[in-house]
Amino acid sequence: MSSPEERAALRALIGEATTAGARQARACAVLGLSARTVQRWQGGGPEAVDGRTFRHHDAVHKLSTDERAELLAVANSVEFGHLPPSQIVPRLADKGRYIASESTFYRVLREEKQLAHRRSERPARAHSKPRAVCADEPNQLFSWDITYLPTTVRGQYFYLYLFSATRVAARRALSGM
């Protein structure tokens, strides 16, 4: 989008180039314009204004404020307050009632920051790291492991149950155990 002053300057440059013998399409390409754009500017007269700058598009099927309020009232009602939109819309359809699509429910609830957790149970908690243990002396820290050792027969394994009272980082399966 360009102002009328910029357009006039660009049209003057293109006019100079075409009077000097250059093709209009080549002159427009040098300036980074389409030849059709310049033709449209010429057809509009010297005071033509770019109509795109003044347009404001509102969707024709956009929810009105009343419809949006009704959607939020239904989504926050006792009956549907604990359900996600993927369950609200089918339940409303079973009752023969249509407010908005499922994606519209999700969009409106996300805009209102009500989409995070809608169930009646507690939300999942982040699990903390297990506490670190350190053995300073022997027989303070025990660990165990079950290892499957392969055999020469396919599908058969030996099960090694390893109980260790040594350092956890340095445990190894020893032949004497």
N, C-alpha and C. Protein backbone atom coordinates (compact mmCIF):
# COMPACT_ATOMS: atom_id res chain seq x y z
N MET A 1 0.84 -1.17 0.00
CA MET A 1 0.00 0.00 0.00
C MET A 1 0.89 1.24 0.00
N SER A 2 0.52 2.14 -0.83
CA SER A 2 1.34 3.34 -0.96
C SER A 2 0.45 4.58 -0.91
N SER A 3 1.07 5.67 -0.53
CA SER A 3 0.33 6.93 -0.44
C SER A 3 0.19 7.52 -1.85
N PRO A 4 -0.74 8.46 -2.02
CA PRO A 4 -0.89 9.10 -3.35
C PRO A 4 0.39 9.80 -3.82
N GLU A 5 1.18 10.35 -2.88
CA GLU A 5 2.43 11.02 -3.26
C GLU A 5 3.43 10.01 -3.81
N GLU A 6 3.54 8.86 -3.14
CA GLU A 6 4.45 7.83 -3.62
C GLU A 6 4.02 7.33 -5.00
N ARG A 7 2.73 7.17 -5.18
CA ARG A 7 2.21 6.70 -6.46
C ARG A 7 2.54 7.69 -7.58
N ALA A 8 2.36 8.97 -7.27
CA ALA A 8 2.64 9.99 -8.29
C ALA A 8 4.11 9.96 -8.69
N ALA A 9 4.99 9.80 -7.69
CA ALA A 9 6.43 9.75 -7.99
C ALA A 9 6.77 8.51 -8.81
N LEU A 10 6.19 7.37 -8.44
CA LEU A 10 6.46 6.14 -9.18
C LEU A 10 5.90 6.22 -10.60
N ARG A 11 4.72 6.81 -10.75
CA ARG A 11 4.13 6.96 -12.09
C ARG A 11 4.99 7.88 -12.95
N ALA A 12 5.57 8.92 -12.33
CA ALA A 12 6.45 9.83 -13.08
C ALA A 12 7.70 9.10 -13.54
N LEU A 13 8.29 8.28 -12.67
CA LEU A 13 9.48 7.52 -13.05
C LEU A 13 9.18 6.55 -14.19
N ILE A 14 8.04 5.88 -14.09
CA ILE A 14 7.66 4.92 -15.13
C ILE A 14 7.36 5.66 -16.43
N GLY A 15 6.74 6.84 -16.33
CA GLY A 15 6.46 7.66 -17.52
C GLY A 15 7.74 8.09 -18.22
N GLU A 16 8.76 8.50 -17.44
CA GLU A 16 10.06 8.88 -18.02
C GLU A 16 10.68 7.70 -18.75
N ALA A 17 10.61 6.52 -18.11
CA ALA A 17 11.22 5.33 -18.71
C ALA A 17 10.51 4.94 -20.00
N THR A 18 9.20 5.04 -20.02
CA THR A 18 8.46 4.64 -21.23
C THR A 18 8.65 5.66 -22.36
N THR A 19 8.77 6.95 -22.04
CA THR A 19 9.02 7.95 -23.10
C THR A 19 10.43 7.80 -23.65
N ALA A 20 11.34 7.26 -22.84
CA ALA A 20 12.71 7.03 -23.31
C ALA A 20 12.81 5.75 -24.13
N GLY A 21 11.70 4.98 -24.23
CA GLY A 21 11.71 3.80 -25.08
C GLY A 21 11.64 2.47 -24.34
N ALA A 22 11.58 2.49 -23.03
CA ALA A 22 11.52 1.22 -22.27
C ALA A 22 10.08 0.71 -22.24
N ARG A 23 9.96 -0.56 -22.12
CA ARG A 23 8.63 -1.16 -21.99
C ARG A 23 8.11 -0.92 -20.58
N GLN A 24 6.80 -0.76 -20.47
CA GLN A 24 6.20 -0.47 -19.16
C GLN A 24 6.41 -1.64 -18.18
N ALA A 25 6.29 -2.87 -18.66
CA ALA A 25 6.44 -4.04 -17.78
C ALA A 25 7.86 -4.11 -17.21
N ARG A 26 8.87 -3.79 -18.06
CA ARG A 26 10.26 -3.83 -17.58
C ARG A 26 10.52 -2.72 -16.57
N ALA A 27 9.98 -1.53 -16.83
CA ALA A 27 10.16 -0.41 -15.90
C ALA A 27 9.50 -0.71 -14.56
N CYS A 28 8.34 -1.34 -14.61
CA CYS A 28 7.65 -1.71 -13.37
C CYS A 28 8.42 -2.77 -12.61
N ALA A 29 9.00 -3.73 -13.34
CA ALA A 29 9.77 -4.80 -12.70
C ALA A 29 11.00 -4.24 -11.98
N VAL A 30 11.64 -3.23 -12.58
CA VAL A 30 12.80 -2.61 -11.95
C VAL A 30 12.40 -1.96 -10.63
N LEU A 31 11.21 -1.38 -10.58
CA LEU A 31 10.74 -0.72 -9.35
C LEU A 31 10.09 -1.70 -8.38
N GLY A 32 9.96 -2.96 -8.79
CA GLY A 32 9.36 -3.95 -7.91
C GLY A 32 7.85 -3.92 -7.91
N LEU A 33 7.27 -3.44 -9.01
CA LEU A 33 5.82 -3.35 -9.12
C LEU A 33 5.33 -4.26 -10.24
N SER A 34 4.08 -4.56 -10.21
CA SER A 34 3.44 -5.28 -11.30
C SER A 34 2.91 -4.25 -12.30
N ALA A 35 2.96 -4.61 -13.57
CA ALA A 35 2.45 -3.70 -14.60
C ALA A 35 0.96 -3.47 -14.40
N ARG A 36 0.26 -4.47 -13.95
CA ARG A 36 -1.18 -4.34 -13.72
C ARG A 36 -1.47 -3.33 -12.61
N THR A 37 -0.62 -3.28 -11.59
CA THR A 37 -0.80 -2.30 -10.51
C THR A 37 -0.70 -0.88 -11.06
N VAL A 38 0.28 -0.63 -11.90
CA VAL A 38 0.46 0.71 -12.47
C VAL A 38 -0.71 1.06 -13.38
N GLN A 39 -1.21 0.08 -14.15
CA GLN A 39 -2.37 0.33 -15.00
C GLN A 39 -3.59 0.68 -14.15
N ARG A 40 -3.74 0.03 -13.02
CA ARG A 40 -4.86 0.32 -12.14
C ARG A 40 -4.73 1.74 -11.58
N TRP A 41 -3.49 2.15 -11.26
CA TRP A 41 -3.28 3.51 -10.77
C TRP A 41 -3.64 4.53 -11.84
N GLN A 42 -3.29 4.26 -13.07
CA GLN A 42 -3.56 5.20 -14.16
C GLN A 42 -5.06 5.31 -14.42
N GLY A 43 -5.79 4.23 -14.27
CA GLY A 43 -7.23 4.25 -14.50
C GLY A 43 -7.98 5.01 -13.43
N GLY A 44 -7.41 5.15 -12.26
CA GLY A 44 -8.09 5.81 -11.16
C GLY A 44 -7.95 7.31 -11.16
N GLY A 45 -7.12 7.88 -12.02
CA GLY A 45 -6.91 9.32 -12.04
C GLY A 45 -5.79 9.73 -11.10
N PRO A 46 -5.44 11.01 -11.11
CA PRO A 46 -4.30 11.47 -10.30
C PRO A 46 -4.57 11.45 -8.80
N GLU A 47 -5.82 11.56 -8.38
CA GLU A 47 -6.13 11.60 -6.96
C GLU A 47 -6.66 10.27 -6.43
N ALA A 48 -6.40 9.19 -7.14
CA ALA A 48 -6.92 7.87 -6.72
C ALA A 48 -6.30 7.47 -5.39
N VAL A 49 -7.13 6.96 -4.54
CA VAL A 49 -6.69 6.52 -3.22
C VAL A 49 -6.79 5.01 -3.16
N ASP A 50 -5.82 4.40 -2.53
CA ASP A 50 -5.84 2.95 -2.37
C ASP A 50 -6.97 2.57 -1.42
N GLY A 51 -7.97 1.87 -1.93
CA GLY A 51 -9.12 1.51 -1.12
C GLY A 51 -8.80 0.50 -0.04
N ARG A 52 -7.68 -0.20 -0.17
CA ARG A 52 -7.33 -1.22 0.82
C ARG A 52 -7.00 -0.62 2.18
N THR A 53 -6.52 0.62 2.19
CA THR A 53 -6.12 1.21 3.46
C THR A 53 -7.31 1.53 4.35
N PHE A 54 -8.49 1.71 3.74
CA PHE A 54 -9.65 2.11 4.51
C PHE A 54 -10.63 0.97 4.78
N ARG A 55 -10.33 -0.19 4.30
CA ARG A 55 -11.23 -1.31 4.50
C ARG A 55 -11.02 -1.92 5.87
N HIS A 56 -12.13 -2.32 6.44
CA HIS A 56 -12.08 -3.04 7.71
C HIS A 56 -13.02 -4.22 7.57
N HIS A 57 -12.46 -5.41 7.58
CA HIS A 57 -13.26 -6.61 7.35
C HIS A 57 -13.72 -7.21 8.67
N ASP A 58 -15.00 -7.27 8.85
CA ASP A 58 -15.59 -8.03 9.94
C ASP A 58 -16.30 -9.22 9.33
N ALA A 59 -16.09 -10.37 9.92
CA ALA A 59 -16.75 -11.55 9.40
C ALA A 59 -18.26 -11.39 9.53
N VAL A 60 -18.97 -11.79 8.49
CA VAL A 60 -20.41 -11.65 8.48
C VAL A 60 -21.04 -12.56 9.54
N HIS A 61 -20.44 -13.72 9.73
CA HIS A 61 -20.99 -14.71 10.66
C HIS A 61 -20.35 -14.63 12.05
N LYS A 62 -19.72 -13.51 12.35
CA LYS A 62 -19.08 -13.33 13.65
C LYS A 62 -20.12 -13.36 14.76
N LEU A 63 -19.74 -13.94 15.91
CA LEU A 63 -20.67 -14.00 17.04
C LEU A 63 -20.96 -12.59 17.55
N SER A 64 -22.21 -12.32 17.81
CA SER A 64 -22.56 -11.04 18.42
C SER A 64 -22.20 -11.10 19.91
N THR A 65 -22.26 -9.97 20.57
CA THR A 65 -21.92 -9.96 22.00
C THR A 65 -22.92 -10.78 22.80
N ASP A 66 -24.18 -10.78 22.37
CA ASP A 66 -25.19 -11.59 23.07
C ASP A 66 -24.93 -13.07 22.88
N GLU A 67 -24.58 -13.47 21.65
CA GLU A 67 -24.28 -14.88 21.39
C GLU A 67 -23.04 -15.33 22.14
N ARG A 68 -22.04 -14.45 22.19
CA ARG A 68 -20.81 -14.77 22.92
C ARG A 68 -21.10 -14.91 24.41
N ALA A 69 -21.93 -14.03 24.96
CA ALA A 69 -22.31 -14.10 26.37
C ALA A 69 -23.08 -15.38 26.65
N GLU A 70 -23.96 -15.77 25.72
CA GLU A 70 -24.72 -17.02 25.90
C GLU A 70 -23.78 -18.22 25.87
N LEU A 71 -22.81 -18.21 24.95
CA LEU A 71 -21.83 -19.29 24.87
C LEU A 71 -21.08 -19.43 26.18
N LEU A 72 -20.61 -18.31 26.73
CA LEU A 72 -19.86 -18.35 27.99
C LEU A 72 -20.75 -18.77 29.15
N ALA A 73 -22.01 -18.34 29.13
CA ALA A 73 -22.94 -18.73 30.20
C ALA A 73 -23.18 -20.23 30.18
N VAL A 74 -23.34 -20.80 28.99
CA VAL A 74 -23.56 -22.25 28.87
C VAL A 74 -22.29 -23.00 29.26
N ALA A 75 -21.14 -22.54 28.79
CA ALA A 75 -19.88 -23.23 29.10
C ALA A 75 -19.55 -23.18 30.58
N ASN A 76 -20.01 -22.15 31.29
CA ASN A 76 -19.72 -22.02 32.72
C ASN A 76 -20.88 -22.45 33.60
N SER A 77 -21.94 -22.98 33.00
CA SER A 77 -23.09 -23.42 33.80
C SER A 77 -22.72 -24.65 34.62
N VAL A 78 -23.57 -24.97 35.59
CA VAL A 78 -23.32 -26.12 36.46
C VAL A 78 -23.32 -27.41 35.64
N GLU A 79 -24.19 -27.46 34.63
CA GLU A 79 -24.32 -28.68 33.83
C GLU A 79 -23.09 -28.93 32.94
N PHE A 80 -22.51 -27.87 32.39
CA PHE A 80 -21.42 -28.03 31.43
C PHE A 80 -20.09 -27.46 31.92
N GLY A 81 -20.02 -26.90 33.10
CA GLY A 81 -18.82 -26.22 33.57
C GLY A 81 -17.61 -27.12 33.70
N HIS A 82 -17.81 -28.41 33.89
CA HIS A 82 -16.69 -29.33 34.07
C HIS A 82 -16.33 -30.07 32.79
N LEU A 83 -17.02 -29.78 31.68
CA LEU A 83 -16.82 -30.51 30.44
C LEU A 83 -16.01 -29.70 29.43
N PRO A 84 -15.22 -30.37 28.60
CA PRO A 84 -14.55 -29.67 27.51
C PRO A 84 -15.53 -29.41 26.37
N PRO A 85 -15.22 -28.49 25.48
CA PRO A 85 -16.12 -28.20 24.36
C PRO A 85 -16.43 -29.41 23.48
N SER A 86 -15.50 -30.36 23.41
CA SER A 86 -15.75 -31.55 22.59
C SER A 86 -16.89 -32.39 23.14
N GLN A 87 -17.27 -32.18 24.40
CA GLN A 87 -18.41 -32.88 24.98
C GLN A 87 -19.63 -31.96 25.14
N ILE A 88 -19.39 -30.66 25.24
CA ILE A 88 -20.50 -29.71 25.40
C ILE A 88 -21.34 -29.67 24.12
N VAL A 89 -20.69 -29.53 22.97
CA VAL A 89 -21.42 -29.37 21.71
C VAL A 89 -22.30 -30.59 21.40
N PRO A 90 -21.80 -31.84 21.53
CA PRO A 90 -22.69 -32.98 21.27
C PRO A 90 -23.86 -33.08 22.25
N ARG A 91 -23.63 -32.72 23.51
CA ARG A 91 -24.73 -32.78 24.49
C ARG A 91 -25.79 -31.73 24.17
N LEU A 92 -25.35 -30.56 23.72
CA LEU A 92 -26.32 -29.55 23.30
C LEU A 92 -27.07 -30.02 22.05
N ALA A 93 -26.36 -30.69 21.15
CA ALA A 93 -27.01 -31.19 19.93
C ALA A 93 -28.04 -32.26 20.26
N ASP A 94 -27.77 -33.08 21.28
CA ASP A 94 -28.74 -34.09 21.71
C ASP A 94 -30.02 -33.43 22.21
N LYS A 95 -29.88 -32.23 22.77
CA LYS A 95 -31.05 -31.50 23.27
C LYS A 95 -31.70 -30.66 22.17
N GLY A 96 -31.12 -30.69 20.96
CA GLY A 96 -31.67 -29.91 19.86
C GLY A 96 -31.31 -28.44 19.93
N ARG A 97 -30.19 -28.11 20.54
CA ARG A 97 -29.79 -26.71 20.73
C ARG A 97 -28.42 -26.50 20.10
N TYR A 98 -28.27 -25.47 19.30
CA TYR A 98 -27.00 -25.15 18.67
C TYR A 98 -26.63 -23.71 19.01
N ILE A 99 -25.48 -23.56 19.62
CA ILE A 99 -25.00 -22.21 19.96
C ILE A 99 -23.86 -21.82 19.03
N ALA A 100 -22.86 -22.70 18.94
CA ALA A 100 -21.70 -22.44 18.09
C ALA A 100 -21.00 -23.77 17.83
N SER A 101 -20.06 -23.75 16.91
CA SER A 101 -19.32 -24.97 16.61
C SER A 101 -18.32 -25.26 17.73
N GLU A 102 -17.78 -26.47 17.69
CA GLU A 102 -16.81 -26.87 18.71
C GLU A 102 -15.57 -25.99 18.66
N SER A 103 -15.10 -25.69 17.44
CA SER A 103 -13.90 -24.85 17.33
C SER A 103 -14.17 -23.44 17.84
N THR A 104 -15.39 -22.93 17.66
CA THR A 104 -15.73 -21.61 18.19
C THR A 104 -15.75 -21.64 19.71
N PHE A 105 -16.29 -22.73 20.28
CA PHE A 105 -16.25 -22.87 21.74
C PHE A 105 -14.81 -22.82 22.23
N TYR A 106 -13.94 -23.60 21.59
CA TYR A 106 -12.53 -23.62 21.99
C TYR A 106 -11.91 -22.24 21.86
N ARG A 107 -12.17 -21.55 20.74
CA ARG A 107 -11.57 -20.24 20.51
C ARG A 107 -12.03 -19.23 21.55
N VAL A 108 -13.34 -19.18 21.83
CA VAL A 108 -13.86 -18.20 22.79
C VAL A 108 -13.36 -18.51 24.19
N LEU A 109 -13.36 -19.78 24.58
CA LEU A 109 -12.87 -20.13 25.91
C LEU A 109 -11.38 -19.84 26.04
N ARG A 110 -10.61 -20.06 24.97
CA ARG A 110 -9.18 -19.75 25.02
C ARG A 110 -8.97 -18.25 25.15
N GLU A 111 -9.76 -17.44 24.42
CA GLU A 111 -9.64 -15.98 24.52
C GLU A 111 -10.00 -15.49 25.92
N GLU A 112 -10.92 -16.17 26.58
CA GLU A 112 -11.32 -15.79 27.94
C GLU A 112 -10.47 -16.47 29.01
N LYS A 113 -9.47 -17.24 28.58
CA LYS A 113 -8.55 -17.97 29.48
C LYS A 113 -9.31 -18.91 30.42
N GLN A 114 -10.27 -19.63 29.86
CA GLN A 114 -11.06 -20.58 30.63
C GLN A 114 -10.89 -22.01 30.12
N LEU A 115 -9.87 -22.25 29.34
CA LEU A 115 -9.74 -23.55 28.70
C LEU A 115 -8.76 -24.46 29.41
N ALA A 116 -8.04 -23.98 30.40
CA ALA A 116 -6.94 -24.74 30.98
C ALA A 116 -7.38 -26.08 31.57
N HIS A 117 -8.22 -26.08 32.58
CA HIS A 117 -8.62 -27.33 33.23
C HIS A 117 -10.09 -27.22 33.60
N ARG A 118 -10.91 -28.05 32.97
CA ARG A 118 -12.36 -27.92 33.15
C ARG A 118 -12.97 -29.13 33.83
N ARG A 119 -12.19 -30.03 34.35
CA ARG A 119 -12.73 -31.24 34.97
C ARG A 119 -12.93 -31.01 36.46
N SER A 120 -13.74 -31.90 37.07
CA SER A 120 -14.04 -31.74 38.49
C SER A 120 -12.92 -32.29 39.37
N GLU A 121 -12.10 -33.20 38.84
CA GLU A 121 -11.01 -33.72 39.67
C GLU A 121 -9.84 -32.74 39.68
N ARG A 122 -8.93 -33.01 40.58
CA ARG A 122 -7.77 -32.14 40.69
C ARG A 122 -6.90 -32.23 39.45
N PRO A 123 -6.29 -31.14 39.04
CA PRO A 123 -5.36 -31.23 37.91
C PRO A 123 -4.11 -32.01 38.29
N ALA A 124 -3.46 -32.58 37.30
CA ALA A 124 -2.25 -33.36 37.55
C ALA A 124 -1.16 -32.45 38.10
N ARG A 125 -0.42 -33.00 39.06
CA ARG A 125 0.68 -32.24 39.65
C ARG A 125 1.98 -32.67 39.00
N ALA A 126 2.91 -31.78 38.96
CA ALA A 126 4.24 -32.12 38.47
C ALA A 126 4.93 -32.97 39.54
N HIS A 127 5.53 -34.04 39.10
CA HIS A 127 6.21 -34.92 40.05
C HIS A 127 7.60 -34.38 40.36
N SER A 128 7.95 -34.47 41.61
CA SER A 128 9.26 -33.98 42.00
C SER A 128 10.31 -35.08 41.81
N LYS A 129 11.54 -34.66 41.76
CA LYS A 129 12.64 -35.59 41.62
C LYS A 129 12.74 -36.47 42.86
N PRO A 130 13.14 -37.73 42.72
CA PRO A 130 13.35 -38.53 43.92
C PRO A 130 14.51 -37.96 44.73
N ARG A 131 14.41 -38.15 46.02
CA ARG A 131 15.47 -37.57 46.87
C ARG A 131 16.79 -38.29 46.63
N ALA A 132 17.85 -37.54 46.71
CA ALA A 132 19.18 -38.11 46.49
C ALA A 132 19.63 -38.85 47.75
N VAL A 133 20.25 -39.99 47.55
CA VAL A 133 20.77 -40.77 48.68
C VAL A 133 22.27 -40.91 48.52
N CYS A 134 22.93 -40.97 49.63
CA CYS A 134 24.38 -41.08 49.62
C CYS A 134 24.80 -42.03 50.73
N ALA A 135 25.63 -43.00 50.38
CA ALA A 135 26.12 -43.96 51.38
C ALA A 135 27.54 -43.57 51.76
N ASP A 136 27.76 -43.37 53.07
CA ASP A 136 29.10 -43.03 53.55
C ASP A 136 29.84 -44.25 54.05
N GLU A 137 29.12 -45.28 54.45
CA GLU A 137 29.72 -46.50 55.00
C GLU A 137 29.09 -47.70 54.32
N PRO A 138 29.71 -48.86 54.47
CA PRO A 138 29.12 -50.07 53.91
C PRO A 138 27.79 -50.40 54.60
N ASN A 139 26.93 -51.10 53.90
CA ASN A 139 25.63 -51.56 54.37
C ASN A 139 24.66 -50.42 54.72
N GLN A 140 24.88 -49.27 54.16
CA GLN A 140 23.94 -48.17 54.35
C GLN A 140 22.94 -48.07 53.20
N LEU A 141 23.38 -48.42 52.02
CA LEU A 141 22.54 -48.27 50.85
C LEU A 141 22.54 -49.58 50.07
N PHE A 142 21.36 -50.12 49.87
CA PHE A 142 21.21 -51.35 49.11
C PHE A 142 20.45 -51.05 47.83
N SER A 143 20.79 -51.77 46.80
CA SER A 143 20.06 -51.64 45.54
C SER A 143 19.88 -53.02 44.94
N TRP A 144 18.93 -53.10 44.03
CA TRP A 144 18.68 -54.38 43.38
C TRP A 144 18.32 -54.13 41.92
N ASP A 145 18.50 -55.16 41.13
CA ASP A 145 18.23 -55.05 39.71
C ASP A 145 17.92 -56.44 39.18
N ILE A 146 17.07 -56.51 38.19
CA ILE A 146 16.79 -57.76 37.49
C ILE A 146 17.25 -57.57 36.06
N THR A 147 18.14 -58.42 35.61
CA THR A 147 18.69 -58.31 34.27
C THR A 147 18.38 -59.58 33.49
N TYR A 148 18.02 -59.43 32.25
CA TYR A 148 17.79 -60.58 31.37
C TYR A 148 19.07 -60.83 30.59
N LEU A 149 19.65 -62.01 30.77
CA LEU A 149 20.88 -62.36 30.07
C LEU A 149 20.54 -63.29 28.91
N PRO A 150 20.97 -62.98 27.70
CA PRO A 150 20.63 -63.82 26.56
C PRO A 150 21.40 -65.15 26.59
N THR A 151 20.80 -66.15 25.96
CA THR A 151 21.45 -67.46 25.82
C THR A 151 21.66 -67.72 24.34
N THR A 152 22.22 -68.89 24.04
CA THR A 152 22.42 -69.24 22.63
C THR A 152 21.12 -69.67 21.98
N VAL A 153 20.11 -70.00 22.79
CA VAL A 153 18.80 -70.38 22.26
C VAL A 153 17.96 -69.11 22.11
N ARG A 154 17.43 -68.94 20.92
CA ARG A 154 16.65 -67.73 20.65
C ARG A 154 15.36 -67.74 21.48
N GLY A 155 15.08 -66.62 22.17
CA GLY A 155 13.86 -66.51 22.96
C GLY A 155 14.01 -66.96 24.40
N GLN A 156 15.13 -67.55 24.78
CA GLN A 156 15.35 -67.94 26.17
C GLN A 156 16.36 -67.01 26.81
N TYR A 157 16.09 -66.67 28.06
CA TYR A 157 16.96 -65.76 28.80
C TYR A 157 17.18 -66.30 30.20
N PHE A 158 18.33 -65.93 30.76
CA PHE A 158 18.56 -66.16 32.18
C PHE A 158 18.16 -64.88 32.90
N TYR A 159 17.53 -65.02 34.03
CA TYR A 159 17.14 -63.87 34.84
C TYR A 159 18.16 -63.72 35.95
N LEU A 160 18.86 -62.61 35.99
CA LEU A 160 19.85 -62.36 37.02
C LEU A 160 19.26 -61.39 38.03
N TYR A 161 19.03 -61.86 39.23
CA TYR A 161 18.55 -61.01 40.31
C TYR A 161 19.78 -60.54 41.07
N LEU A 162 20.06 -59.27 41.04
CA LEU A 162 21.28 -58.73 41.61
C LEU A 162 20.93 -57.84 42.80
N PHE A 163 21.42 -58.21 43.96
CA PHE A 163 21.27 -57.39 45.16
C PHE A 163 22.65 -56.90 45.53
N SER A 164 22.78 -55.61 45.75
CA SER A 164 24.10 -55.04 45.96
C SER A 164 24.08 -54.11 47.16
N ALA A 165 25.15 -54.21 47.95
CA ALA A 165 25.34 -53.31 49.08
C ALA A 165 26.52 -52.39 48.82
N THR A 166 26.99 -52.37 47.58
CA THR A 166 28.14 -51.54 47.23
C THR A 166 27.66 -50.20 46.68
N ARG A 167 28.57 -49.46 46.15
CA ARG A 167 28.20 -48.17 45.57
C ARG A 167 27.25 -48.39 44.40
N VAL A 168 26.25 -47.56 44.33
CA VAL A 168 25.22 -47.72 43.30
C VAL A 168 25.80 -47.48 41.92
N ALA A 169 26.70 -46.53 41.79
CA ALA A 169 27.23 -46.19 40.48
C ALA A 169 28.19 -47.25 39.96
N ALA A 170 28.76 -48.07 40.83
CA ALA A 170 29.78 -49.02 40.41
C ALA A 170 29.32 -50.46 40.52
N ARG A 171 28.04 -50.75 40.49
CA ARG A 171 27.61 -52.14 40.64
C ARG A 171 27.81 -52.90 39.33
N ARG A 172 28.21 -54.14 39.46
CA ARG A 172 28.44 -55.00 38.31
C ARG A 172 27.99 -56.40 38.68
N ALA A 173 27.59 -57.14 37.69
CA ALA A 173 27.25 -58.55 37.92
C ALA A 173 28.55 -59.34 37.99
N LEU A 174 28.82 -59.91 39.13
CA LEU A 174 30.05 -60.68 39.31
C LEU A 174 29.72 -62.17 39.24
N SER A 175 30.69 -62.93 38.79
CA SER A 175 30.44 -64.36 38.61
C SER A 175 30.28 -65.08 39.94
N GLY A 176 30.79 -64.57 41.02
CA GLY A 176 30.72 -65.25 42.32
C GLY A 176 29.42 -64.99 43.05
N MET A 177 28.57 -64.14 42.55
CA MET A 177 27.35 -63.79 43.28
C MET A 177 26.24 -64.74 42.98
